[in-house]
């Protein structure tokens, strides 16, 4: 999927059942993201 994060487009490959928070933290290393 393609998402825009902090003004930058990012192409991410993740399982459809993966919560977006986990994608942000694990795939994009945005560890400041909180639930």
Protein backbone atom coordinates (compact mmCIF):
# COMPACT_ATOMS: atom_id res chain seq x y z
CA UNK A 1 0.00 0.00 0.00
CA UNK A 2 1.08 3.59 -0.50
CA UNK A 3 0.66 6.08 2.33
CA UNK A 4 1.81 9.62 2.99
CA UNK A 5 3.59 10.05 6.31
CA UNK A 6 5.00 13.37 7.51
CA UNK A 7 4.74 14.75 3.98
CA UNK A 8 6.62 11.85 2.36
CA UNK A 9 5.06 9.12 0.24
CA UNK A 10 5.98 5.62 1.38
CA UNK A 11 5.28 2.28 -0.29
CA UNK A 12 4.69 -0.34 2.43
CA UNK A 13 4.22 -4.07 2.14
CA UNK A 14 2.30 -5.43 5.12
CA UNK A 15 -0.31 -8.06 5.83
CA UNK A 16 -3.82 -6.58 5.44
CA UNK A 17 -4.64 -7.59 9.03
CA UNK A 18 -1.70 -5.64 10.47
CA UNK A 19 -2.78 -2.56 12.45
CA UNK A 20 -1.54 0.73 10.98
CA UNK A 21 0.19 1.58 14.25
CA UNK A 22 2.34 -1.55 13.94
CA UNK A 23 3.23 -0.66 10.35
CA UNK A 24 4.29 2.83 11.42
CA UNK A 25 6.39 1.55 14.30
CA UNK A 26 7.86 -1.65 12.81
CA UNK A 27 8.16 -0.93 9.10
CA UNK A 28 8.82 2.83 9.17
CA UNK A 29 10.63 2.99 12.55
CA UNK A 30 8.35 5.78 13.81
CA UNK A 31 8.62 4.75 17.44
CA UNK A 32 6.98 7.94 18.73
CA UNK A 33 3.62 6.78 17.32
CA UNK A 34 1.22 5.87 20.11
CA UNK A 35 -2.25 4.36 20.43
